[in-house]
Amino acid sequence: MENAKELLTTTQLKIHDISEYLSFVDESYFISTFNKACGMTPSKYRQKYIEKLLNKKSV
């Protein structure tokens, strides 16, 4: 999951491409596994990271 988090926050790769790159069977399995491990979907994780960056810049 650490690799997934890094890819979500440092690239603009689509979730599907990240799941493929990390050798998950399919995108939905990746999303489900990420959600169980991190408490949110990969999309939500990326969104929260971006929001955090934007909040830091506006301070």
PDB file of N, CA and C in Angstrom:
ATOM      1  N   MET A   1       0.812  -1.196   0.000  1.00  0.00           N
ATOM      2  CA  MET A   1       0.000   0.000   0.000  1.00  0.00           C
ATOM      3  C   MET A   1       0.859   1.267   0.000  1.00  0.00           C
ATOM      4  N   GLU A   2       2.057   1.170   0.541  1.00  0.00           N
ATOM      5  CA  GLU A   2       2.931   2.346   0.533  1.00  0.00           C
ATOM      6  C   GLU A   2       3.269   2.763  -0.899  1.00  0.00           C
ATOM      7  N   ASN A   3       3.510   1.782  -1.760  1.00  0.00           N
ATOM      8  CA  ASN A   3       3.778   2.092  -3.166  1.00  0.00           C
ATOM      9  C   ASN A   3       2.559   2.744  -3.809  1.00  0.00           C
ATOM     10  N   ALA A   4       1.396   2.249  -3.483  1.00  0.00           N
ATOM     11  CA  ALA A   4       0.161   2.816  -4.033  1.00  0.00           C
ATOM     12  C   ALA A   4       0.001   4.264  -3.565  1.00  0.00           C
ATOM     13  N   LYS A   5       0.229   4.517  -2.297  1.00  0.00           N
ATOM     14  CA  LYS A   5       0.121   5.875  -1.762  1.00  0.00           C
ATOM     15  C   LYS A   5       1.095   6.813  -2.467  1.00  0.00           C
ATOM     16  N   GLU A   6       2.318   6.336  -2.669  1.00  0.00           N
ATOM     17  CA  GLU A   6       3.320   7.171  -3.331  1.00  0.00           C
ATOM     18  C   GLU A   6       2.892   7.499  -4.764  1.00  0.00           C
ATOM     19  N   LEU A   7       2.404   6.492  -5.483  1.00  0.00           N
ATOM     20  CA  LEU A   7       1.966   6.723  -6.860  1.00  0.00           C
ATOM     21  C   LEU A   7       0.758   7.657  -6.908  1.00  0.00           C
ATOM     22  N   LEU A   8      -0.128   7.533  -5.941  1.00  0.00           N
ATOM     23  CA  LEU A   8      -1.310   8.391  -5.902  1.00  0.00           C
ATOM     24  C   LEU A   8      -0.950   9.852  -5.641  1.00  0.00           C
ATOM     25  N   THR A   9       0.119  10.060  -4.900  1.00  0.00           N
ATOM     26  CA  THR A   9       0.458  11.428  -4.510  1.00  0.00           C
ATOM     27  C   THR A   9       1.566  12.057  -5.354  1.00  0.00           C
ATOM     28  N   THR A  10       2.256  11.266  -6.144  1.00  0.00           N
ATOM     29  CA  THR A  10       3.365  11.822  -6.919  1.00  0.00           C
ATOM     30  C   THR A  10       3.163  11.714  -8.424  1.00  0.00           C
ATOM     31  N   THR A  11       2.089  11.071  -8.854  1.00  0.00           N
ATOM     32  CA  THR A  11       1.822  10.939 -10.287  1.00  0.00           C
ATOM     33  C   THR A  11       0.363  11.292 -10.567  1.00  0.00           C
ATOM     34  N   GLN A  12       0.058  11.415 -11.840  1.00  0.00           N
ATOM     35  CA  GLN A  12      -1.329  11.618 -12.255  1.00  0.00           C
ATOM     36  C   GLN A  12      -1.877  10.356 -12.915  1.00  0.00           C
ATOM     37  N   LEU A  13      -1.242   9.228 -12.629  1.00  0.00           N
ATOM     38  CA  LEU A  13      -1.706   7.963 -13.185  1.00  0.00           C
ATOM     39  C   LEU A  13      -3.140   7.691 -12.755  1.00  0.00           C
ATOM     40  N   LYS A  14      -3.891   7.075 -13.634  1.00  0.00           N
ATOM     41  CA  LYS A  14      -5.259   6.683 -13.295  1.00  0.00           C
ATOM     42  C   LYS A  14      -5.211   5.507 -12.330  1.00  0.00           C
ATOM     43  N   ILE A  15      -6.273   5.375 -11.550  1.00  0.00           N
ATOM     44  CA  ILE A  15      -6.360   4.295 -10.565  1.00  0.00           C
ATOM     45  C   ILE A  15      -6.158   2.945 -11.258  1.00  0.00           C
ATOM     46  N   HIS A  16      -6.765   2.791 -12.411  1.00  0.00           N
ATOM     47  CA  HIS A  16      -6.635   1.541 -13.175  1.00  0.00           C
ATOM     48  C   HIS A  16      -5.163   1.250 -13.492  1.00  0.00           C
ATOM     49  N   ASP A  17      -4.436   2.267 -13.917  1.00  0.00           N
ATOM     50  CA  ASP A  17      -3.027   2.087 -14.267  1.00  0.00           C
ATOM     51  C   ASP A  17      -2.180   1.750 -13.040  1.00  0.00           C
ATOM     52  N   ILE A  18      -2.496   2.361 -11.917  1.00  0.00           N
ATOM     53  CA  ILE A  18      -1.774   2.060 -10.679  1.00  0.00           C
ATOM     54  C   ILE A  18      -2.033   0.616 -10.265  1.00  0.00           C
ATOM     55  N   SER A  19      -3.279   0.187 -10.352  1.00  0.00           N
ATOM     56  CA  SER A  19      -3.601  -1.195  -9.969  1.00  0.00           C
ATOM     57  C   SER A  19      -2.876  -2.187 -10.872  1.00  0.00           C
ATOM     58  N   GLU A  20      -2.804  -1.882 -12.148  1.00  0.00           N
ATOM     59  CA  GLU A  20      -2.082  -2.741 -13.090  1.00  0.00           C
ATOM     60  C   GLU A  20      -0.590  -2.751 -12.780  1.00  0.00           C
ATOM     61  N   TYR A  21      -0.022  -1.578 -12.558  1.00  0.00           N
ATOM     62  CA  TYR A  21       1.394  -1.446 -12.261  1.00  0.00           C
ATOM     63  C   TYR A  21       1.773  -2.241 -11.014  1.00  0.00           C
ATOM     64  N   LEU A  22       0.883  -2.265 -10.029  1.00  0.00           N
ATOM     65  CA  LEU A  22       1.146  -2.972  -8.775  1.00  0.00           C
ATOM     66  C   LEU A  22       0.716  -4.436  -8.825  1.00  0.00           C
ATOM     67  N   SER A  23       0.327  -4.901 -10.015  1.00  0.00           N
ATOM     68  CA  SER A  23      -0.006  -6.313 -10.273  1.00  0.00           C
ATOM     69  C   SER A  23      -1.245  -6.813  -9.545  1.00  0.00           C
ATOM     70  N   PHE A  24      -2.237  -5.941  -9.360  1.00  0.00           N
ATOM     71  CA  PHE A  24      -3.508  -6.398  -8.814  1.00  0.00           C
ATOM     72  C   PHE A  24      -4.297  -7.073  -9.929  1.00  0.00           C
ATOM     73  N   VAL A  25      -5.142  -8.010  -9.551  1.00  0.00           N
ATOM     74  CA  VAL A  25      -5.929  -8.765 -10.525  1.00  0.00           C
ATOM     75  C   VAL A  25      -6.794  -7.828 -11.355  1.00  0.00           C
ATOM     76  N   ASP A  26      -7.450  -6.896 -10.685  1.00  0.00           N
ATOM     77  CA  ASP A  26      -8.238  -5.881 -11.393  1.00  0.00           C
ATOM     78  C   ASP A  26      -8.386  -4.643 -10.519  1.00  0.00           C
ATOM     79  N   GLU A  27      -8.927  -3.613 -11.121  1.00  0.00           N
ATOM     80  CA  GLU A  27      -9.041  -2.322 -10.450  1.00  0.00           C
ATOM     81  C   GLU A  27      -9.930  -2.391  -9.210  1.00  0.00           C
ATOM     82  N   SER A  28     -11.038  -3.109  -9.298  1.00  0.00           N
ATOM     83  CA  SER A  28     -11.959  -3.160  -8.153  1.00  0.00           C
ATOM     84  C   SER A  28     -11.324  -3.877  -6.957  1.00  0.00           C
ATOM     85  N   TYR A  29     -10.499  -4.881  -7.209  1.00  0.00           N
ATOM     86  CA  TYR A  29      -9.804  -5.557  -6.113  1.00  0.00           C
ATOM     87  C   TYR A  29      -8.785  -4.608  -5.471  1.00  0.00           C
ATOM     88  N   PHE A  30      -8.087  -3.843  -6.289  1.00  0.00           N
ATOM     89  CA  PHE A  30      -7.145  -2.848  -5.760  1.00  0.00           C
ATOM     90  C   PHE A  30      -7.874  -1.829  -4.889  1.00  0.00           C
ATOM     91  N   ILE A  31      -8.984  -1.298  -5.384  1.00  0.00           N
ATOM     92  CA  ILE A  31      -9.749  -0.301  -4.632  1.00  0.00           C
ATOM     93  C   ILE A  31     -10.222  -0.878  -3.305  1.00  0.00           C
ATOM     94  N   SER A  32     -10.748  -2.094  -3.344  1.00  0.00           N
ATOM     95  CA  SER A  32     -11.235  -2.748  -2.135  1.00  0.00           C
ATOM     96  C   SER A  32     -10.110  -2.970  -1.128  1.00  0.00           C
ATOM     97  N   THR A  33      -8.973  -3.451  -1.602  1.00  0.00           N
ATOM     98  CA  THR A  33      -7.826  -3.709  -0.727  1.00  0.00           C
ATOM     99  C   THR A  33      -7.289  -2.407  -0.135  1.00  0.00           C
ATOM    100  N   PHE A  34      -7.178  -1.387  -0.957  1.00  0.00           N
ATOM    101  CA  PHE A  34      -6.701  -0.082  -0.488  1.00  0.00           C
ATOM    102  C   PHE A  34      -7.657   0.477   0.561  1.00  0.00           C
ATOM    103  N   ASN A  35      -8.940   0.378   0.290  1.00  0.00           N
ATOM    104  CA  ASN A  35      -9.962   0.885   1.209  1.00  0.00           C
ATOM    105  C   ASN A  35      -9.869   0.187   2.572  1.00  0.00           C
ATOM    106  N   LYS A  36      -9.685  -1.121   2.575  1.00  0.00           N
ATOM    107  CA  LYS A  36      -9.562  -1.867   3.835  1.00  0.00           C
ATOM    108  C   LYS A  36      -8.297  -1.461   4.588  1.00  0.00           C
ATOM    109  N   ALA A  37      -7.205  -1.261   3.864  1.00  0.00           N
ATOM    110  CA  ALA A  37      -5.927  -0.950   4.504  1.00  0.00           C
ATOM    111  C   ALA A  37      -5.839   0.503   4.974  1.00  0.00           C
ATOM    112  N   CYS A  38      -6.455   1.415   4.235  1.00  0.00           N
ATOM    113  CA  CYS A  38      -6.264   2.853   4.503  1.00  0.00           C
ATOM    114  C   CYS A  38      -7.516   3.571   4.988  1.00  0.00           C
ATOM    115  N   GLY A  39      -8.654   2.901   4.942  1.00  0.00           N
ATOM    116  CA  GLY A  39      -9.880   3.515   5.438  1.00  0.00           C
ATOM    117  C   GLY A  39     -10.548   4.459   4.455  1.00  0.00           C
ATOM    118  N   MET A  40     -10.072   4.475   3.214  1.00  0.00           N
ATOM    119  CA  MET A  40     -10.696   5.297   2.169  1.00  0.00           C
ATOM    120  C   MET A  40     -10.268   4.762   0.813  1.00  0.00           C
ATOM    121  N   THR A  41     -10.996   5.139  -0.202  1.00  0.00           N
ATOM    122  CA  THR A  41     -10.658   4.694  -1.552  1.00  0.00           C
ATOM    123  C   THR A  41      -9.407   5.411  -2.049  1.00  0.00           C
ATOM    124  N   PRO A  42      -8.756   4.867  -3.058  1.00  0.00           N
ATOM    125  CA  PRO A  42      -7.589   5.549  -3.617  1.00  0.00           C
ATOM    126  C   PRO A  42      -7.923   6.966  -4.119  1.00  0.00           C
ATOM    127  N   SER A  43      -9.067   7.126  -4.737  1.00  0.00           N
ATOM    128  CA  SER A  43      -9.469   8.454  -5.227  1.00  0.00           C
ATOM    129  C   SER A  43      -9.612   9.442  -4.087  1.00  0.00           C
ATOM    130  N   LYS A  44     -10.250   9.013  -3.008  1.00  0.00           N
ATOM    131  CA  LYS A  44     -10.429   9.883  -1.847  1.00  0.00           C
ATOM    132  C   LYS A  44      -9.081  10.217  -1.210  1.00  0.00           C
ATOM    133  N   TYR A  45      -8.185   9.232  -1.164  1.00  0.00           N
ATOM    134  CA  TYR A  45      -6.838   9.460  -0.621  1.00  0.00           C
ATOM    135  C   TYR A  45      -6.121  10.530  -1.421  1.00  0.00           C
ATOM    136  N   ARG A  46      -6.164  10.419  -2.738  1.00  0.00           N
ATOM    137  CA  ARG A  46      -5.512  11.399  -3.612  1.00  0.00           C
ATOM    138  C   ARG A  46      -6.146  12.776  -3.427  1.00  0.00           C
ATOM    139  N   GLN A  47      -7.462  12.819  -3.351  1.00  0.00           N
ATOM    140  CA  GLN A  47      -8.185  14.084  -3.182  1.00  0.00           C
ATOM    141  C   GLN A  47      -7.789  14.753  -1.868  1.00  0.00           C
ATOM    142  N   LYS A  48      -7.738  13.986  -0.779  1.00  0.00           N
ATOM    143  CA  LYS A  48      -7.369  14.547   0.517  1.00  0.00           C
ATOM    144  C   LYS A  48      -5.927  15.057   0.500  1.00  0.00           C
ATOM    145  N   TYR A  49      -5.038  14.348  -0.174  1.00  0.00           N
ATOM    146  CA  TYR A  49      -3.640  14.779  -0.284  1.00  0.00           C
ATOM    147  C   TYR A  49      -3.560  16.114  -1.020  1.00  0.00           C
ATOM    148  N   ILE A  50      -4.273  16.227  -2.120  1.00  0.00           N
ATOM    149  CA  ILE A  50      -4.272  17.468  -2.900  1.00  0.00           C
ATOM    150  C   ILE A  50      -4.844  18.615  -2.074  1.00  0.00           C
ATOM    151  N   GLU A  51      -5.935  18.362  -1.366  1.00  0.00           N
ATOM    152  CA  GLU A  51      -6.537  19.395  -0.515  1.00  0.00           C
ATOM    153  C   GLU A  51      -5.557  19.847   0.559  1.00  0.00           C
ATOM    154  N   LYS A  52      -4.824  18.908   1.136  1.00  0.00           N
ATOM    155  CA  LYS A  52      -3.839  19.240   2.168  1.00  0.00           C
ATOM    156  C   LYS A  52      -2.741  20.129   1.579  1.00  0.00           C
ATOM    157  N   LEU A  53      -2.281  19.794   0.383  1.00  0.00           N
ATOM    158  CA  LEU A  53      -1.266  20.631  -0.275  1.00  0.00           C
ATOM    159  C   LEU A  53      -1.790  22.029  -0.552  1.00  0.00           C
ATOM    160  N   LEU A  54      -2.999  22.128  -1.033  1.00  0.00           N
ATOM    161  CA  LEU A  54      -3.579  23.429  -1.351  1.00  0.00           C
ATOM    162  C   LEU A  54      -3.753  24.259  -0.090  1.00  0.00           C
ATOM    163  N   ASN A  55      -4.140  23.624   1.007  1.00  0.00           N
ATOM    164  CA  ASN A  55      -4.293  24.348   2.272  1.00  0.00           C
ATOM    165  C   ASN A  55      -2.962  24.868   2.785  1.00  0.00           C
ATOM    166  N   LYS A  56      -1.891  24.108   2.606  1.00  0.00           N
ATOM    167  CA  LYS A  56      -0.572  24.558   3.032  1.00  0.00           C
ATOM    168  C   LYS A  56      -0.121  25.766   2.222  1.00  0.00           C
ATOM    169  N   LYS A  57      -0.414  25.759   0.928  1.00  0.00           N
ATOM    170  CA  LYS A  57       0.007  26.862   0.064  1.00  0.00           C
ATOM    171  C   LYS A  57      -0.767  28.139   0.358  1.00  0.00           C
ATOM    172  N   SER A  58      -2.002  28.010   0.815  1.00  0.00           N
ATOM    173  CA  SER A  58      -2.813  29.194   1.044  1.00  0.00           C
ATOM    174  C   SER A  58      -2.560  29.841   2.411  1.00  0.00           C
ATOM    175  N   VAL A  59      -1.782  29.191   3.242  1.00  0.00           N
ATOM    176  CA  VAL A  59      -1.493  29.724   4.580  1.00  0.00           C
ATOM    177  C   VAL A  59      -0.446  30.797   4.519  1.00  0.00           C
TER     178      VAL A  59
END
